[in-house]
Amino acid sequence: MISSENERADAAKEWTMYITVSCLFILIVSVICFFAPAYSLQDLLFRLFDAVIICVLAVNGLYFLRKNKGVACLSFLLCFINMGLLIVMMIH
């Protein structure tokens, strides 16, 4: 019984962290895109979609960090590659 409660508390803490990180990434990209008037609405939607993909990869990496280091490293690698591509597209 106590183990189940501890697992639920740990899961709640982990999901709170994952949701916070995801919201932070989306907020940062949204603010950057909002204050850069050179982007059209269609470009903004594509950038937000890229930001969501980055968030999913980052959350996946954080989730697997304790369970499987290989999956976590691959997820973080793909996250950073996608983030780099997003930055290049925003600068270009």
PDB file of N, CA and C in Angstrom:
ATOM      1  N   MET A   1       0.820  -1.194   0.000  1.00  0.00           N
ATOM      2  CA  MET A   1       0.000   0.000   0.000  1.00  0.00           C
ATOM      3  C   MET A   1       0.869   1.265   0.000  1.00  0.00           C
ATOM      4  N   ILE A   2       1.884   1.267   0.852  1.00  0.00           N
ATOM      5  CA  ILE A   2       2.760   2.428   0.916  1.00  0.00           C
ATOM      6  C   ILE A   2       3.568   2.553  -0.370  1.00  0.00           C
ATOM      7  N   SER A   3       3.994   1.430  -0.908  1.00  0.00           N
ATOM      8  CA  SER A   3       4.748   1.444  -2.163  1.00  0.00           C
ATOM      9  C   SER A   3       3.924   2.047  -3.294  1.00  0.00           C
ATOM     10  N   SER A   4       2.652   1.702  -3.328  1.00  0.00           N
ATOM     11  CA  SER A   4       1.766   2.237  -4.362  1.00  0.00           C
ATOM     12  C   SER A   4       1.608   3.748  -4.228  1.00  0.00           C
ATOM     13  N   GLU A   5       1.504   4.222  -2.996  1.00  0.00           N
ATOM     14  CA  GLU A   5       1.372   5.664  -2.770  1.00  0.00           C
ATOM     15  C   GLU A   5       2.660   6.393  -3.150  1.00  0.00           C
ATOM     16  N   ASN A   6       3.803   5.786  -2.833  1.00  0.00           N
ATOM     17  CA  ASN A   6       5.084   6.398  -3.209  1.00  0.00           C
ATOM     18  C   ASN A   6       5.249   6.443  -4.722  1.00  0.00           C
ATOM     19  N   GLU A   7       4.832   5.379  -5.405  1.00  0.00           N
ATOM     20  CA  GLU A   7       4.917   5.362  -6.864  1.00  0.00           C
ATOM     21  C   GLU A   7       4.021   6.428  -7.474  1.00  0.00           C
ATOM     22  N   ARG A   8       2.847   6.600  -6.917  1.00  0.00           N
ATOM     23  CA  ARG A   8       1.942   7.638  -7.428  1.00  0.00           C
ATOM     24  C   ARG A   8       2.517   9.027  -7.195  1.00  0.00           C
ATOM     25  N   ALA A   9       3.101   9.243  -6.018  1.00  0.00           N
ATOM     26  CA  ALA A   9       3.698  10.546  -5.723  1.00  0.00           C
ATOM     27  C   ALA A   9       4.879  10.818  -6.652  1.00  0.00           C
ATOM     28  N   ASP A  10       5.711   9.797  -6.881  1.00  0.00           N
ATOM     29  CA  ASP A  10       6.842   9.965  -7.797  1.00  0.00           C
ATOM     30  C   ASP A  10       6.369  10.239  -9.218  1.00  0.00           C
ATOM     31  N   ALA A  11       5.344   9.514  -9.654  1.00  0.00           N
ATOM     32  CA  ALA A  11       4.805   9.726 -11.004  1.00  0.00           C
ATOM     33  C   ALA A  11       4.236  11.133 -11.139  1.00  0.00           C
ATOM     34  N   ALA A  12       3.553  11.604 -10.100  1.00  0.00           N
ATOM     35  CA  ALA A  12       2.993  12.957 -10.142  1.00  0.00           C
ATOM     36  C   ALA A  12       4.104  14.002 -10.233  1.00  0.00           C
ATOM     37  N   LYS A  13       5.188  13.804  -9.478  1.00  0.00           N
ATOM     38  CA  LYS A  13       6.313  14.738  -9.541  1.00  0.00           C
ATOM     39  C   LYS A  13       6.963  14.727 -10.924  1.00  0.00           C
ATOM     40  N   GLU A  14       7.151  13.521 -11.477  1.00  0.00           N
ATOM     41  CA  GLU A  14       7.766  13.419 -12.801  1.00  0.00           C
ATOM     42  C   GLU A  14       6.906  14.097 -13.859  1.00  0.00           C
ATOM     43  N   TRP A  15       5.609  13.824 -13.848  1.00  0.00           N
ATOM     44  CA  TRP A  15       4.747  14.424 -14.866  1.00  0.00           C
ATOM     45  C   TRP A  15       4.651  15.931 -14.703  1.00  0.00           C
ATOM     46  N   THR A  16       4.693  16.418 -13.470  1.00  0.00           N
ATOM     47  CA  THR A  16       4.701  17.863 -13.256  1.00  0.00           C
ATOM     48  C   THR A  16       5.950  18.479 -13.882  1.00  0.00           C
ATOM     49  N   MET A  17       7.089  17.826 -13.700  1.00  0.00           N
ATOM     50  CA  MET A  17       8.328  18.321 -14.292  1.00  0.00           C
ATOM     51  C   MET A  17       8.255  18.276 -15.818  1.00  0.00           C
ATOM     52  N   TYR A  18       7.746  17.197 -16.381  1.00  0.00           N
ATOM     53  CA  TYR A  18       7.664  17.060 -17.836  1.00  0.00           C
ATOM     54  C   TYR A  18       6.733  18.107 -18.437  1.00  0.00           C
ATOM     55  N   ILE A  19       5.594  18.316 -17.805  1.00  0.00           N
ATOM     56  CA  ILE A  19       4.639  19.307 -18.309  1.00  0.00           C
ATOM     57  C   ILE A  19       5.235  20.708 -18.212  1.00  0.00           C
ATOM     58  N   THR A  20       5.939  20.988 -17.127  1.00  0.00           N
ATOM     59  CA  THR A  20       6.566  22.297 -16.963  1.00  0.00           C
ATOM     60  C   THR A  20       7.619  22.543 -18.040  1.00  0.00           C
ATOM     61  N   VAL A  21       8.467  21.552 -18.300  1.00  0.00           N
ATOM     62  CA  VAL A  21       9.497  21.692 -19.334  1.00  0.00           C
ATOM     63  C   VAL A  21       8.851  21.891 -20.702  1.00  0.00           C
ATOM     64  N   SER A  22       7.813  21.120 -20.999  1.00  0.00           N
ATOM     65  CA  SER A  22       7.133  21.244 -22.290  1.00  0.00           C
ATOM     66  C   SER A  22       6.526  22.629 -22.461  1.00  0.00           C
ATOM     67  N   CYS A  23       5.842  23.101 -21.437  1.00  0.00           N
ATOM     68  CA  CYS A  23       5.232  24.434 -21.508  1.00  0.00           C
ATOM     69  C   CYS A  23       6.298  25.518 -21.652  1.00  0.00           C
ATOM     70  N   LEU A  24       7.419  25.341 -20.975  1.00  0.00           N
ATOM     71  CA  LEU A  24       8.497  26.317 -21.070  1.00  0.00           C
ATOM     72  C   LEU A  24       9.067  26.382 -22.485  1.00  0.00           C
ATOM     73  N   PHE A  25       9.312  25.217 -23.097  1.00  0.00           N
ATOM     74  CA  PHE A  25       9.816  25.201 -24.473  1.00  0.00           C
ATOM     75  C   PHE A  25       8.824  25.857 -25.428  1.00  0.00           C
ATOM     76  N   ILE A  26       7.562  25.508 -25.314  1.00  0.00           N
ATOM     77  CA  ILE A  26       6.548  26.082 -26.204  1.00  0.00           C
ATOM     78  C   ILE A  26       6.441  27.586 -25.989  1.00  0.00           C
ATOM     79  N   LEU A  27       6.497  28.022 -24.745  1.00  0.00           N
ATOM     80  CA  LEU A  27       6.414  29.447 -24.443  1.00  0.00           C
ATOM     81  C   LEU A  27       7.601  30.211 -25.031  1.00  0.00           C
ATOM     82  N   ILE A  28       8.796  29.666 -24.904  1.00  0.00           N
ATOM     83  CA  ILE A  28       9.983  30.337 -25.435  1.00  0.00           C
ATOM     84  C   ILE A  28       9.897  30.491 -26.950  1.00  0.00           C
ATOM     85  N   VAL A  29       9.543  29.420 -27.642  1.00  0.00           N
ATOM     86  CA  VAL A  29       9.440  29.496 -29.101  1.00  0.00           C
ATOM     87  C   VAL A  29       8.305  30.427 -29.508  1.00  0.00           C
ATOM     88  N   SER A  30       7.195  30.404 -28.780  1.00  0.00           N
ATOM     89  CA  SER A  30       6.072  31.290 -29.100  1.00  0.00           C
ATOM     90  C   SER A  30       6.468  32.754 -28.942  1.00  0.00           C
ATOM     91  N   VAL A  31       7.177  33.065 -27.873  1.00  0.00           N
ATOM     92  CA  VAL A  31       7.598  34.450 -27.642  1.00  0.00           C
ATOM     93  C   VAL A  31       8.576  34.895 -28.724  1.00  0.00           C
ATOM     94  N   ILE A  32       9.520  34.029 -29.069  1.00  0.00           N
ATOM     95  CA  ILE A  32      10.480  34.381 -30.124  1.00  0.00           C
ATOM     96  C   ILE A  32       9.758  34.623 -31.442  1.00  0.00           C
ATOM     97  N   CYS A  33       8.846  33.737 -31.788  1.00  0.00           N
ATOM     98  CA  CYS A  33       8.119  33.885 -33.058  1.00  0.00           C
ATOM     99  C   CYS A  33       7.176  35.086 -33.030  1.00  0.00           C
ATOM    100  N   PHE A  34       6.588  35.383 -31.874  1.00  0.00           N
ATOM    101  CA  PHE A  34       5.640  36.490 -31.774  1.00  0.00           C
ATOM    102  C   PHE A  34       6.339  37.832 -31.951  1.00  0.00           C
ATOM    103  N   PHE A  35       7.526  37.973 -31.380  1.00  0.00           N
ATOM    104  CA  PHE A  35       8.223  39.250 -31.450  1.00  0.00           C
ATOM    105  C   PHE A  35       9.086  39.395 -32.697  1.00  0.00           C
ATOM    106  N   ALA A  36       9.114  38.389 -33.532  1.00  0.00           N
ATOM    107  CA  ALA A  36       9.831  38.498 -34.807  1.00  0.00           C
ATOM    108  C   ALA A  36       8.790  38.671 -35.905  1.00  0.00           C
ATOM    109  N   PRO A  37       8.504  39.896 -36.319  1.00  0.00           N
ATOM    110  CA  PRO A  37       7.409  40.142 -37.262  1.00  0.00           C
ATOM    111  C   PRO A  37       7.685  39.634 -38.679  1.00  0.00           C
ATOM    112  N   ALA A  38       8.862  39.116 -38.938  1.00  0.00           N
ATOM    113  CA  ALA A  38       9.179  38.639 -40.285  1.00  0.00           C
ATOM    114  C   ALA A  38       8.479  37.324 -40.612  1.00  0.00           C
ATOM    115  N   TYR A  39       7.878  36.685 -39.627  1.00  0.00           N
ATOM    116  CA  TYR A  39       7.240  35.387 -39.852  1.00  0.00           C
ATOM    117  C   TYR A  39       5.757  35.555 -40.142  1.00  0.00           C
ATOM    118  N   SER A  40       5.282  34.797 -41.095  1.00  0.00           N
ATOM    119  CA  SER A  40       3.848  34.784 -41.369  1.00  0.00           C
ATOM    120  C   SER A  40       3.179  33.786 -40.428  1.00  0.00           C
ATOM    121  N   LEU A  41       1.854  33.761 -40.440  1.00  0.00           N
ATOM    122  CA  LEU A  41       1.121  32.855 -39.556  1.00  0.00           C
ATOM    123  C   LEU A  41       1.423  31.401 -39.890  1.00  0.00           C
ATOM    124  N   GLN A  42       1.555  31.100 -41.175  1.00  0.00           N
ATOM    125  CA  GLN A  42       1.852  29.722 -41.567  1.00  0.00           C
ATOM    126  C   GLN A  42       3.228  29.297 -41.043  1.00  0.00           C
ATOM    127  N   ASP A  43       4.210  30.183 -41.152  1.00  0.00           N
ATOM    128  CA  ASP A  43       5.531  29.875 -40.608  1.00  0.00           C
ATOM    129  C   ASP A  43       5.469  29.694 -39.101  1.00  0.00           C
ATOM    130  N   LEU A  44       4.676  30.532 -38.443  1.00  0.00           N
ATOM    131  CA  LEU A  44       4.534  30.435 -36.996  1.00  0.00           C
ATOM    132  C   LEU A  44       3.952  29.086 -36.597  1.00  0.00           C
ATOM    133  N   LEU A  45       2.952  28.619 -37.331  1.00  0.00           N
ATOM    134  CA  LEU A  45       2.350  27.325 -37.014  1.00  0.00           C
ATOM    135  C   LEU A  45       3.344  26.191 -37.216  1.00  0.00           C
ATOM    136  N   PHE A  46       4.142  26.273 -38.281  1.00  0.00           N
ATOM    137  CA  PHE A  46       5.165  25.245 -38.495  1.00  0.00           C
ATOM    138  C   PHE A  46       6.211  25.273 -37.387  1.00  0.00           C
ATOM    139  N   ARG A  47       6.602  26.457 -36.948  1.00  0.00           N
ATOM    140  CA  ARG A  47       7.594  26.566 -35.871  1.00  0.00           C
ATOM    141  C   ARG A  47       7.023  26.026 -34.565  1.00  0.00           C
ATOM    142  N   LEU A  48       5.748  26.307 -34.302  1.00  0.00           N
ATOM    143  CA  LEU A  48       5.128  25.768 -33.091  1.00  0.00           C
ATOM    144  C   LEU A  48       5.035  24.250 -33.153  1.00  0.00           C
ATOM    145  N   PHE A  49       4.761  23.708 -34.336  1.00  0.00           N
ATOM    146  CA  PHE A  49       4.733  22.255 -34.491  1.00  0.00           C
ATOM    147  C   PHE A  49       6.118  21.674 -34.225  1.00  0.00           C
ATOM    148  N   ASP A  50       7.155  22.344 -34.737  1.00  0.00           N
ATOM    149  CA  ASP A  50       8.523  21.907 -34.448  1.00  0.00           C
ATOM    150  C   ASP A  50       8.817  21.985 -32.952  1.00  0.00           C
ATOM    151  N   ALA A  51       8.324  23.035 -32.304  1.00  0.00           N
ATOM    152  CA  ALA A  51       8.531  23.171 -30.859  1.00  0.00           C
ATOM    153  C   ALA A  51       7.848  22.041 -30.096  1.00  0.00           C
ATOM    154  N   VAL A  52       6.674  21.645 -30.540  1.00  0.00           N
ATOM    155  CA  VAL A  52       5.977  20.528 -29.886  1.00  0.00           C
ATOM    156  C   VAL A  52       6.777  19.240 -30.056  1.00  0.00           C
ATOM    157  N   ILE A  53       7.334  19.025 -31.241  1.00  0.00           N
ATOM    158  CA  ILE A  53       8.162  17.836 -31.464  1.00  0.00           C
ATOM    159  C   ILE A  53       9.383  17.868 -30.546  1.00  0.00           C
ATOM    160  N   ILE A  54      10.002  19.027 -30.416  1.00  0.00           N
ATOM    161  CA  ILE A  54      11.152  19.161 -29.520  1.00  0.00           C
ATOM    162  C   ILE A  54      10.737  18.849 -28.088  1.00  0.00           C
ATOM    163  N   CYS A  55       9.583  19.351 -27.671  1.00  0.00           N
ATOM    164  CA  CYS A  55       9.095  19.091 -26.315  1.00  0.00           C
ATOM    165  C   CYS A  55       8.836  17.609 -26.090  1.00  0.00           C
ATOM    166  N   VAL A  56       8.244  16.959 -27.065  1.00  0.00           N
ATOM    167  CA  VAL A  56       7.972  15.524 -26.933  1.00  0.00           C
ATOM    168  C   VAL A  56       9.283  14.751 -26.810  1.00  0.00           C
ATOM    169  N   LEU A  57      10.269  15.110 -27.612  1.00  0.00           N
ATOM    170  CA  LEU A  57      11.562  14.433 -27.526  1.00  0.00           C
ATOM    171  C   LEU A  57      12.244  14.698 -26.186  1.00  0.00           C
ATOM    172  N   ALA A  58      12.167  15.934 -25.695  1.00  0.00           N
ATOM    173  CA  ALA A  58      12.781  16.258 -24.406  1.00  0.00           C
ATOM    174  C   ALA A  58      12.080  15.528 -23.263  1.00  0.00           C
ATOM    175  N   VAL A  59      10.760  15.511 -23.295  1.00  0.00           N
ATOM    176  CA  VAL A  59      10.005  14.812 -22.252  1.00  0.00           C
ATOM    177  C   VAL A  59      10.286  13.318 -22.309  1.00  0.00           C
ATOM    178  N   ASN A  60      10.369  12.775 -23.516  1.00  0.00           N
ATOM    179  CA  ASN A  60      10.698  11.361 -23.667  1.00  0.00           C
ATOM    180  C   ASN A  60      12.087  11.069 -23.093  1.00  0.00           C
ATOM    181  N   GLY A  61      13.033  11.958 -23.354  1.00  0.00           N
ATOM    182  CA  GLY A  61      14.371  11.789 -22.794  1.00  0.00           C
ATOM    183  C   GLY A  61      14.378  11.857 -21.283  1.00  0.00           C
ATOM    184  N   LEU A  62      13.624  12.806 -20.725  1.00  0.00           N
ATOM    185  CA  LEU A  62      13.546  12.902 -19.266  1.00  0.00           C
ATOM    186  C   LEU A  62      12.868  11.675 -18.661  1.00  0.00           C
ATOM    187  N   TYR A  63      11.865  11.160 -19.338  1.00  0.00           N
ATOM    188  CA  TYR A  63      11.145   9.993 -18.831  1.00  0.00           C
ATOM    189  C   TYR A  63      12.046   8.756 -18.803  1.00  0.00           C
ATOM    190  N   PHE A  64      12.822   8.573 -19.862  1.00  0.00           N
ATOM    191  CA  PHE A  64      13.661   7.380 -19.949  1.00  0.00           C
ATOM    192  C   PHE A  64      15.033   7.566 -19.303  1.00  0.00           C
ATOM    193  N   LEU A  65      15.291   8.716 -18.715  1.00  0.00           N
ATOM    194  CA  LEU A  65      16.596   8.976 -18.115  1.00  0.00           C
ATOM    195  C   LEU A  65      16.922   7.974 -17.014  1.00  0.00           C
ATOM    196  N   ARG A  66      15.937   7.598 -16.220  1.00  0.00           N
ATOM    197  CA  ARG A  66      16.153   6.639 -15.134  1.00  0.00           C
ATOM    198  C   ARG A  66      15.984   5.202 -15.591  1.00  0.00           C
ATOM    199  N   LYS A  67      15.236   4.987 -16.640  1.00  0.00           N
ATOM    200  CA  LYS A  67      14.887   3.625 -17.044  1.00  0.00           C
ATOM    201  C   LYS A  67      15.837   3.051 -18.084  1.00  0.00           C
ATOM    202  N   ASN A  68      16.173   3.830 -19.102  1.00  0.00           N
ATOM    203  CA  ASN A  68      16.989   3.321 -20.200  1.00  0.00           C
ATOM    204  C   ASN A  68      17.829   4.475 -20.745  1.00  0.00           C
ATOM    205  N   LYS A  69      19.098   4.477 -20.403  1.00  0.00           N
ATOM    206  CA  LYS A  69      19.980   5.590 -20.788  1.00  0.00           C
ATOM    207  C   LYS A  69      20.147   5.710 -22.302  1.00  0.00           C
ATOM    208  N   GLY A  70      20.125   4.577 -23.011  1.00  0.00           N
ATOM    209  CA  GLY A  70      20.293   4.620 -24.462  1.00  0.00           C
ATOM    210  C   GLY A  70      19.159   5.354 -25.146  1.00  0.00           C
ATOM    211  N   VAL A  71      17.934   5.036 -24.748  1.00  0.00           N
ATOM    212  CA  VAL A  71      16.766   5.704 -25.327  1.00  0.00           C
ATOM    213  C   VAL A  71      16.776   7.185 -24.952  1.00  0.00           C
ATOM    214  N   ALA A  72      17.156   7.485 -23.710  1.00  0.00           N
ATOM    215  CA  ALA A  72      17.199   8.878 -23.268  1.00  0.00           C
ATOM    216  C   ALA A  72      18.232   9.674 -24.067  1.00  0.00           C
ATOM    217  N   CYS A  73      19.409   9.103 -24.255  1.00  0.00           N
ATOM    218  CA  CYS A  73      20.459   9.802 -25.020  1.00  0.00           C
ATOM    219  C   CYS A  73      20.040  10.026 -26.467  1.00  0.00           C
ATOM    220  N   LEU A  74      19.447   9.020 -27.080  1.00  0.00           N
ATOM    221  CA  LEU A  74      18.983   9.164 -28.460  1.00  0.00           C
ATOM    222  C   LEU A  74      17.888  10.225 -28.562  1.00  0.00           C
ATOM    223  N   SER A  75      16.980  10.228 -27.597  1.00  0.00           N
ATOM    224  CA  SER A  75      15.898  11.209 -27.608  1.00  0.00           C
ATOM    225  C   SER A  75      16.450  12.624 -27.440  1.00  0.00           C
ATOM    226  N   PHE A  76      17.398  12.796 -26.506  1.00  0.00           N
ATOM    227  CA  PHE A  76      18.011  14.112 -26.325  1.00  0.00           C
ATOM    228  C   PHE A  76      18.805  14.533 -27.563  1.00  0.00           C
ATOM    229  N   LEU A  77      19.492  13.584 -28.198  1.00  0.00           N
ATOM    230  CA  LEU A  77      20.237  13.890 -29.416  1.00  0.00           C
ATOM    231  C   LEU A  77      19.302  14.385 -30.515  1.00  0.00           C
ATOM    232  N   LEU A  78      18.201  13.672 -30.727  1.00  0.00           N
ATOM    233  CA  LEU A  78      17.224  14.103 -31.728  1.00  0.00           C
ATOM    234  C   LEU A  78      16.597  15.441 -31.348  1.00  0.00           C
ATOM    235  N   CYS A  79      16.390  15.647 -30.055  1.00  0.00           N
ATOM    236  CA  CYS A  79      15.836  16.922 -29.582  1.00  0.00           C
ATOM    237  C   CYS A  79      16.779  18.073 -29.926  1.00  0.00           C
ATOM    238  N   PHE A  80      18.070  17.901 -29.653  1.00  0.00           N
ATOM    239  CA  PHE A  80      19.029  18.967 -29.935  1.00  0.00           C
ATOM    240  C   PHE A  80      19.209  19.192 -31.435  1.00  0.00           C
ATOM    241  N   ILE A  81      19.172  18.116 -32.220  1.00  0.00           N
ATOM    242  CA  ILE A  81      19.257  18.273 -33.676  1.00  0.00           C
ATOM    243  C   ILE A  81      18.054  19.061 -34.189  1.00  0.00           C
ATOM    244  N   ASN A  82      16.859  18.692 -33.720  1.00  0.00           N
ATOM    245  CA  ASN A  82      15.649  19.390 -34.149  1.00  0.00           C
ATOM    246  C   ASN A  82      15.661  20.839 -33.664  1.00  0.00           C
ATOM    247  N   MET A  83      16.170  21.068 -32.453  1.00  0.00           N
ATOM    248  CA  MET A  83      16.246  22.428 -31.937  1.00  0.00           C
ATOM    249  C   MET A  83      17.217  23.257 -32.778  1.00  0.00           C
ATOM    250  N   GLY A  84      18.334  22.659 -33.167  1.00  0.00           N
ATOM    251  CA  GLY A  84      19.283  23.360 -34.029  1.00  0.00           C
ATOM    252  C   GLY A  84      18.680  23.709 -35.376  1.00  0.00           C
ATOM    253  N   LEU A  85      17.948  22.758 -35.954  1.00  0.00           N
ATOM    254  CA  LEU A  85      17.275  23.031 -37.230  1.00  0.00           C
ATOM    255  C   LEU A  85      16.245  24.147 -37.085  1.00  0.00           C
ATOM    256  N   LEU A  86      15.516  24.144 -35.977  1.00  0.00           N
ATOM    257  CA  LEU A  86      14.518  25.192 -35.744  1.00  0.00           C
ATOM    258  C   LEU A  86      15.189  26.553 -35.623  1.00  0.00           C
ATOM    259  N   ILE A  87      16.299  26.609 -34.915  1.00  0.00           N
ATOM    260  CA  ILE A  87      17.015  27.878 -34.763  1.00  0.00           C
ATOM    261  C   ILE A  87      17.543  28.365 -36.111  1.00  0.00           C
ATOM    262  N   VAL A  88      18.098  27.452 -36.905  1.00  0.00           N
ATOM    263  CA  VAL A  88      18.599  27.831 -38.234  1.00  0.00           C
ATOM    264  C   VAL A  88      17.462  28.341 -39.109  1.00  0.00           C
ATOM    265  N   MET A  89      16.304  27.676 -39.066  1.00  0.00           N
ATOM    266  CA  MET A  89      15.163  28.130 -39.874  1.00  0.00           C
ATOM    267  C   MET A  89      14.660  29.485 -39.412  1.00  0.00           C
ATOM    268  N   MET A  90      14.720  29.748 -38.106  1.00  0.00           N
ATOM    269  CA  MET A  90      14.243  31.031 -37.608  1.00  0.00           C
ATOM    270  C   MET A  90      15.212  32.152 -37.960  1.00  0.00           C
ATOM    271  N   ILE A  91      16.501  31.855 -37.976  1.00  0.00           N
ATOM    272  CA  ILE A  91      17.499  32.876 -38.304  1.00  0.00           C
ATOM    273  C   ILE A  91      17.528  33.139 -39.801  1.00  0.00           C
ATOM    274  N   HIS A  92      17.385  32.095 -40.574  1.00  0.00           N
ATOM    275  CA  HIS A  92      17.487  32.198 -42.031  1.00  0.00           C
ATOM    276  C   HIS A  92      16.315  32.915 -42.537  1.00  0.00           C
TER     277      HIS A  92
END
